Protein backbone atom coordinates (compact mmCIF):
# COMPACT_ATOMS: atom_id res chain seq x y z
CA MET A 1 37.60 168.61 -55.23
CA PRO A 2 39.85 168.26 -58.33
CA PRO A 3 40.31 171.32 -60.59
CA PRO A 4 38.35 171.33 -63.80
CA ALA A 5 40.05 169.67 -66.75
CA PHE A 6 41.79 172.02 -69.19
CA LYS A 7 40.46 171.94 -72.71
CA PRO A 8 42.47 173.15 -75.74
CA SER A 9 39.51 175.23 -76.71
CA ASP A 10 39.96 177.21 -73.48
CA ALA A 11 43.45 178.43 -74.55
CA PRO A 12 43.64 182.04 -75.74
CA PRO A 13 44.07 182.39 -79.48
CA ALA A 14 47.71 182.47 -80.59
CA TYR A 15 48.96 185.93 -81.52
CA GLN A 16 49.60 186.27 -85.18
CA ARG A 17 51.54 189.31 -86.34
CA GLU A 18 50.36 190.62 -89.61
CA LEU A 19 53.32 191.13 -91.93
CA PRO A 20 53.34 194.35 -93.85
CA ALA A 21 53.27 194.22 -97.59
CA ILE A 22 56.83 194.25 -98.95
CA ASN A 23 57.97 195.10 -102.41
CA LEU A 24 60.63 192.40 -102.73
CA GLY A 25 61.93 193.80 -105.98
CA ARG A 26 62.60 197.19 -104.40
CA ALA A 27 64.22 195.59 -101.31
CA TRP A 28 66.44 193.51 -103.55
CA LEU A 29 67.46 196.57 -105.54
CA ILE A 30 68.33 198.55 -102.38
CA ALA A 31 70.42 195.64 -101.07
CA VAL A 32 72.33 195.39 -104.34
CA VAL A 33 72.96 199.14 -104.45
CA LEU A 34 74.25 199.17 -100.86
CA PHE A 35 76.51 196.19 -101.62
CA VAL A 36 77.97 197.81 -104.74
CA VAL A 37 78.55 201.12 -102.96
CA GLY A 38 80.29 199.37 -100.04
CA PHE A 39 82.30 197.15 -102.37
CA VAL A 40 83.48 200.02 -104.56
CA GLY A 41 84.19 202.21 -101.53
CA TRP A 42 86.33 199.56 -99.83
CA GLU A 43 88.27 198.93 -103.03
CA TRP A 44 88.76 202.65 -103.63
CA LYS A 45 89.98 203.16 -100.06
CA TRP A 46 92.82 200.65 -100.41
CA ARG A 47 93.80 201.72 -103.91
CA ALA A 48 94.04 205.31 -102.66
CA TRP A 49 96.30 204.04 -99.87
CA GLY A 50 98.67 202.44 -102.41
CA ALA A 51 97.41 198.88 -102.73
CA THR A 52 97.11 197.18 -106.10
CA PRO A 53 95.79 193.73 -107.08
CA THR A 54 98.09 190.82 -106.35
CA TYR A 55 97.85 187.06 -106.05
CA ARG A 56 97.40 185.82 -102.51
CA ASN A 57 100.17 183.91 -100.78
CA SER A 58 97.75 181.25 -99.59
CA ASP A 59 98.27 177.62 -98.58
CA ALA A 60 96.41 176.68 -101.75
CA SER A 61 98.79 178.64 -104.00
CA TRP A 62 101.76 176.93 -102.30
CA ALA A 63 100.12 173.54 -102.78
CA MET A 64 99.56 174.32 -106.46
CA GLN A 65 103.30 174.80 -106.96
CA ARG A 66 104.17 171.75 -104.84
CA ARG A 67 101.95 169.52 -106.99
CA ARG A 68 104.06 170.35 -110.03
CA LEU A 69 106.71 167.98 -108.68
CA ASP A 70 104.20 165.12 -108.81
CA THR A 71 102.87 165.89 -112.27
CA GLY A 72 105.92 165.68 -114.48
CA GLU A 73 108.22 168.46 -113.22
CA GLY A 74 110.15 166.51 -110.61
CA ASN A 75 113.45 167.34 -112.32
CA LYS A 76 113.07 171.11 -111.81
CA THR A 77 115.08 173.37 -109.53
CA VAL A 78 113.20 174.02 -106.28
CA LEU A 79 113.66 176.99 -103.95
CA LEU A 80 113.13 176.44 -100.22
CA GLY A 81 113.50 178.88 -97.37
CA ALA A 82 111.68 181.56 -95.46
CA SER A 83 110.65 185.00 -96.70
CA ARG A 84 114.15 186.08 -97.77
CA VAL A 85 114.28 183.47 -100.51
CA LEU A 86 110.65 184.20 -101.33
CA PHE A 87 111.26 187.97 -101.70
CA ASP A 88 114.88 188.11 -102.82
CA VAL A 89 115.08 185.41 -105.52
CA GLN A 90 113.33 186.63 -108.64
CA LEU A 91 112.21 183.87 -110.99
CA PRO A 92 112.44 185.90 -114.25
CA ALA A 93 116.03 186.94 -113.45
CA TRP A 94 116.92 183.34 -112.59
CA GLN A 95 115.48 182.21 -115.91
CA ARG A 96 117.45 184.82 -117.83
CA VAL A 97 120.75 183.70 -116.32
CA LEU A 98 120.32 179.95 -115.92
CA GLY A 99 117.70 179.23 -118.58
CA GLU A 100 115.15 177.69 -116.20
CA ARG A 101 112.31 179.11 -114.11
CA PRO A 102 112.48 177.32 -110.74
CA ILE A 103 109.58 176.27 -108.52
CA GLN A 104 109.17 178.67 -105.60
CA LEU A 105 108.30 176.79 -102.39
CA ALA A 106 109.76 179.21 -99.83
CA ILE A 107 107.24 180.34 -97.24
CA GLU A 108 107.48 183.29 -94.88
CA GLY A 109 108.37 182.90 -91.22
CA THR A 110 108.78 179.14 -91.54
CA THR A 111 111.75 176.82 -91.38
CA PRO A 112 112.24 174.96 -94.68
CA LEU A 113 113.16 171.75 -92.83
CA PRO A 114 109.73 170.05 -93.09
CA MET A 115 109.66 170.81 -96.82
CA LEU A 116 113.25 169.58 -97.17
CA GLU A 117 112.33 166.33 -95.45
CA ASP A 118 109.25 166.02 -97.64
CA LEU A 119 111.33 166.34 -100.82
CA ALA A 120 113.98 163.98 -99.42
CA GLY A 121 111.33 161.27 -99.09
CA ASN A 122 109.74 161.98 -102.48
CA PRO A 123 111.15 159.79 -105.29
CA ASN A 124 109.50 162.10 -107.87
CA PHE A 125 111.96 164.85 -107.02
CA THR A 126 115.27 164.49 -108.87
CA GLY A 127 116.13 168.12 -109.63
CA ARG A 128 118.24 170.71 -107.82
CA LEU A 129 117.60 172.30 -104.47
CA LEU A 130 118.45 175.75 -103.13
CA VAL A 131 117.78 176.12 -99.40
CA GLY A 132 117.76 179.60 -97.91
CA ILE A 133 118.94 180.05 -94.33
CA ALA A 134 117.42 182.75 -92.14
CA PRO A 135 119.14 181.90 -88.83
CA ASP A 136 116.39 183.02 -86.48
CA VAL A 137 113.91 180.79 -88.33
CA PHE A 138 116.01 177.84 -89.46
CA PHE A 139 118.01 177.18 -86.29
CA THR A 140 114.98 177.52 -84.01
CA GLY A 141 112.64 175.37 -86.07
CA PHE A 142 110.14 178.22 -86.14
CA GLY A 143 107.04 177.29 -88.15
CA TYR A 144 104.67 180.21 -88.62
CA ARG A 145 103.15 178.52 -91.69
CA GLU A 146 104.30 174.93 -91.41
CA GLY A 147 100.68 173.87 -91.97
CA VAL A 148 101.12 174.28 -95.74
CA LEU A 149 102.40 170.70 -96.01
CA LYS A 150 99.34 169.33 -94.22
CA TYR A 151 97.12 171.45 -96.43
CA TYR A 152 98.85 170.13 -99.56
CA THR A 153 98.44 166.55 -98.39
CA ASN A 154 94.75 166.90 -97.48
CA GLU A 155 93.59 169.41 -100.08
CA THR A 156 90.19 168.56 -101.54
CA LEU A 157 89.00 168.96 -105.12
CA ALA A 158 86.65 171.70 -103.93
CA GLN A 159 89.57 173.61 -102.43
CA ARG A 160 91.57 173.24 -105.64
CA SER A 161 88.64 174.50 -107.68
CA GLY A 162 88.13 177.41 -105.33
CA GLN A 163 91.77 178.42 -105.66
CA SER A 164 91.61 178.26 -109.45
CA LEU A 165 88.47 180.40 -109.55
CA SER A 166 89.99 182.88 -107.11
CA MET A 167 93.09 183.26 -109.27
CA LEU A 168 90.99 183.59 -112.41
CA LEU A 169 88.20 185.92 -111.30
CA ILE A 170 89.20 187.78 -108.12
CA GLU A 171 92.89 188.08 -107.27
CA PRO A 172 94.09 189.80 -110.47
CA PHE A 173 91.41 192.50 -110.24
CA PHE A 174 90.75 193.56 -106.64
CA ALA A 175 93.26 195.30 -104.40
CA PHE A 176 91.28 194.80 -101.19
CA TYR A 177 91.42 191.00 -101.51
CA ASP A 178 94.33 190.68 -99.11
CA ASP A 179 94.46 189.39 -95.54
CA ASP A 180 95.96 192.72 -94.44
CA PHE A 181 92.88 194.62 -95.62
CA ARG A 182 90.15 192.44 -94.12
CA LEU A 183 87.63 194.39 -92.06
CA MET A 184 88.31 192.44 -88.86
CA THR A 185 92.07 192.87 -89.33
CA VAL A 186 91.64 196.61 -89.78
CA LEU A 187 89.42 196.85 -86.70
CA LYS A 188 91.91 194.85 -84.63
CA ARG A 189 94.70 197.27 -85.53
CA GLN A 190 92.90 200.37 -84.34
CA LYS A 191 94.24 202.18 -81.27
CA TRP A 192 91.98 200.56 -78.73
CA PRO A 193 92.51 201.25 -75.01
CA GLY A 194 95.22 198.96 -73.65
CA ARG A 195 94.55 196.28 -71.07
CA PRO A 196 96.82 196.12 -68.01
CA GLY A 197 99.38 193.35 -68.20
CA LEU A 198 98.96 192.69 -71.91
CA PRO A 199 101.77 193.78 -74.28
CA ASP A 200 100.96 196.05 -77.21
CA PHE A 201 102.07 193.58 -79.89
CA LEU A 202 102.21 194.62 -83.55
CA ASP A 203 101.35 192.05 -86.21
CA VAL A 204 103.53 191.67 -89.28
CA ARG A 205 102.21 193.97 -91.99
CA LYS A 206 101.85 193.53 -95.73
CA LEU A 207 105.31 193.43 -97.30
CA ALA A 208 105.05 191.81 -100.70
CA MET A 209 103.42 191.49 -104.11
CA GLN A 210 103.05 188.06 -105.68
CA GLU A 211 102.51 186.60 -109.14
CA ALA A 212 100.57 183.50 -110.13
CA ASP A 213 103.59 181.18 -109.80
CA ARG A 214 104.56 182.74 -106.43
CA ASN A 215 107.28 184.95 -107.85
CA THR A 216 107.32 187.56 -105.09
CA SER A 217 108.84 190.99 -104.60
CA MET A 218 108.73 193.69 -101.96
CA TRP A 219 105.71 196.00 -102.03
CA SER A 220 106.82 199.44 -103.17
CA LYS A 221 105.15 201.07 -100.15
CA VAL A 222 107.69 199.43 -97.84
CA GLU A 223 110.49 201.06 -99.81
CA ASN A 224 108.97 204.46 -100.58
CA ASP A 225 106.73 205.27 -97.62
CA LEU A 226 109.14 206.02 -94.76
CA ALA A 227 106.44 205.89 -92.07
CA TYR A 228 105.31 202.47 -93.27
CA ARG A 229 108.93 201.28 -93.53
CA ASP A 230 109.56 202.35 -89.94
CA LEU A 231 106.42 200.51 -88.83
CA CYS A 232 107.75 197.33 -90.46
CA ARG A 233 111.08 197.80 -88.67
CA LYS A 234 109.25 198.27 -85.39
CA VAL A 235 107.46 194.96 -85.94
CA TRP A 236 110.79 193.13 -86.36
CA SER A 237 112.30 194.89 -83.35
CA GLN A 238 109.74 193.21 -81.10
CA PHE A 239 111.44 189.86 -81.64
CA PHE A 240 115.03 190.90 -81.01
CA ASN A 241 114.82 190.60 -77.22
CA GLU A 242 111.90 188.19 -76.88
CA PRO A 243 113.23 184.59 -76.90
CA LEU A 244 111.06 181.71 -78.05
CA PRO A 245 109.79 179.29 -75.40
CA GLY A 246 112.48 176.80 -74.45
CA MET A 247 115.22 178.90 -76.05
CA GLU A 248 115.85 181.51 -73.38
CA THR A 249 119.60 180.93 -73.02
CA PRO A 250 122.51 180.56 -75.46
CA ALA A 251 122.79 176.91 -74.42
CA ASP A 252 119.13 176.34 -75.31
CA LEU A 253 119.60 177.99 -78.69
CA GLU A 254 122.65 175.87 -79.42
CA ARG A 255 120.86 172.66 -78.43
CA VAL A 256 117.83 173.41 -80.62
CA GLY A 257 120.08 174.53 -83.47
CA ASN A 258 121.99 171.25 -83.33
CA GLU A 259 118.71 169.36 -83.52
CA GLN A 260 117.79 171.21 -86.71
CA ILE A 261 121.21 170.47 -88.20
CA GLU A 262 120.89 166.76 -87.43
CA ARG A 263 117.54 166.65 -89.17
CA THR A 264 119.13 168.38 -92.16
CA VAL A 265 121.98 165.87 -92.25
CA ALA A 266 119.47 163.00 -92.42
CA ALA A 267 117.45 164.66 -95.18
CA LEU A 268 120.52 165.35 -97.32
CA ALA A 269 121.65 161.74 -96.96
CA LYS A 270 118.40 160.66 -98.63
CA LEU A 271 118.74 163.27 -101.37
CA ARG A 272 122.26 162.10 -102.18
CA THR A 273 120.95 158.63 -102.99
CA ARG A 274 119.17 160.29 -105.94
CA SER A 275 122.13 162.57 -106.75
CA VAL A 276 120.12 165.72 -105.96
CA PRO A 277 122.48 168.73 -105.64
CA VAL A 278 121.80 170.95 -102.62
CA VAL A 279 123.21 174.44 -102.04
CA PHE A 280 122.54 176.51 -98.93
CA VAL A 281 122.23 180.28 -99.29
CA ARG A 282 122.44 182.98 -96.63
CA PRO A 283 120.65 186.01 -98.15
CA PRO A 284 121.59 189.57 -97.17
CA VAL A 285 120.38 191.16 -93.94
CA ASP A 286 121.20 194.56 -92.48
CA GLY A 287 120.82 196.97 -89.58
CA GLU A 288 119.40 195.89 -86.26
CA TYR A 289 118.28 192.57 -87.73
CA LEU A 290 121.86 191.66 -88.59
CA GLN A 291 122.99 192.69 -85.10
CA PHE A 292 120.33 190.44 -83.56
CA GLU A 293 121.25 187.42 -85.68
CA SER A 294 124.98 187.88 -85.12
CA ARG A 295 124.39 188.01 -81.37
CA ASP A 296 122.00 185.07 -80.98
CA PHE A 297 123.05 182.90 -83.93
CA PRO A 298 126.82 183.34 -84.34
CA ARG A 299 128.08 182.11 -87.67
CA ALA A 300 130.57 179.60 -86.25
CA LYS A 301 127.86 177.73 -84.34
CA THR A 302 125.15 177.91 -86.99
CA TRP A 303 126.07 178.45 -90.63
CA ASP A 304 129.61 177.05 -90.46
CA SER A 305 128.43 174.07 -88.42
CA LEU A 306 125.60 173.37 -90.89
CA LEU A 307 127.97 173.23 -93.85
CA ALA A 308 130.56 171.16 -92.00
CA ARG A 309 128.12 168.55 -90.76
CA THR A 310 126.05 168.22 -93.93
CA GLY A 311 129.01 168.40 -96.32
CA ALA A 312 126.91 170.63 -98.58
CA PRO A 313 128.18 173.81 -100.25
CA GLY A 314 126.95 177.21 -99.15
CA ILE A 315 126.82 180.79 -100.43
CA HIS A 316 126.96 183.40 -97.66
CA PHE A 317 126.38 187.03 -98.62
CA GLU A 318 129.28 188.15 -96.40
CA ASP A 319 131.71 186.06 -98.50
CA HIS A 320 130.81 187.58 -101.86
CA PRO A 321 131.16 191.31 -102.60
CA GLU A 322 128.62 190.97 -105.43
CA LEU A 323 125.98 189.94 -102.86
CA GLN A 324 126.47 193.05 -100.75
CA GLY A 325 125.53 196.72 -100.95
CA PHE A 326 121.84 196.23 -101.65
CA ASN A 327 118.89 198.21 -100.30
CA LEU A 328 117.04 196.41 -97.49
CA PRO A 329 114.37 198.93 -96.45
CA GLU A 330 113.20 197.04 -93.34
CA TRP A 331 116.58 195.28 -92.78
CA SER A 332 115.44 191.78 -93.77
CA HIS A 333 114.35 191.82 -97.44
CA LEU A 334 115.64 193.40 -100.61
CA ALA A 335 113.85 196.18 -102.46
CA ALA A 336 112.30 194.88 -105.69
CA SER A 337 114.87 196.36 -108.09
CA ASP A 338 117.78 195.17 -105.95
CA ALA A 339 116.27 191.68 -105.77
CA GLU A 340 116.67 191.42 -109.53
CA ARG A 341 120.37 192.30 -109.32
CA PHE A 342 120.86 190.00 -106.33
CA THR A 343 119.30 187.08 -108.20
CA GLU A 344 121.50 187.66 -111.23
CA ALA A 345 124.61 187.75 -109.03
CA LEU A 346 123.53 184.65 -107.11
CA CYS A 347 122.87 182.72 -110.32
CA ALA A 348 126.27 183.71 -111.67
CA ILE A 349 127.89 182.24 -108.54
CA LEU A 350 125.82 179.05 -108.85
CA ARG A 351 126.89 178.66 -112.48
CA ARG A 352 130.56 179.51 -111.85
CA ASP A 353 131.20 177.68 -108.58
CA HIS A 354 128.57 174.93 -108.51
CA ARG A 355 127.98 174.17 -112.20
CA TRP A 356 124.28 174.90 -112.14
């Protein structure tokens, strides 16, 4: 005998939870108060630690400066390189000596070769070019932030607007608005229990302060807080005996270095068709960082070879007494006050020896 047919009316009534009465105005007020307290507390925490507002070194800020070459400033002097050119070359000092404020396109931890090739293929660029050489970055093709070119090429109008609003309303006023002070970054850097087999790797810490046009100088905490300075040195020390993949032997390093030089030769050939002057610069370095670079990137096989094969002039800090004797707190970048004097000395050499 078949079971009786099920009728919807036989189903038990659906449970309906009665919502309590809520005073939405009071809830909204509590939420706002909690937000303001958290916001002010987070800002106060970082200001008490020594942070101050600064413009962010974002892909969008780099793209903003790169676009200047396409909007009527293609005859300007452009600075390429890694963080040493970014930190050490001060745009106001350059302007005082040479009468022009250059466009700062150096980017930390990244070979300038892709940017050099980009400018070589850009008919809008007819100015002058200074290319900084950090051997461990340039001759390995290391590209920590090589994505800035792709960002510049694909940047949307919404992204441009967002960057403009950020620079107008947020970055000049709030110290916490820095990647180094994000909540998840702070949590990640706590002393969590280690996992077997995984190295205790330290991320690069905040090192710099930046202006709207990417004029950048070392953060005073790196220079004046010895514990923080030593932490920054410890970060660099991690790389001194940890070769990059595919570059474990001196022969590998030489092969990869030669590939970078050949790419540079090709780029400079294109620039010469537009009579664009190019000068390479080897900024100062000190301490264990200098020992590392001298060991793995000997001058004869890197810097000297680059100049010989490109036929371009170069300024090496070891060849000029006026480019020596500066304070490099964490071995790789100049203290802010010394960066001013370094830039003035560098510009004097460019004017005297290279007619800039």
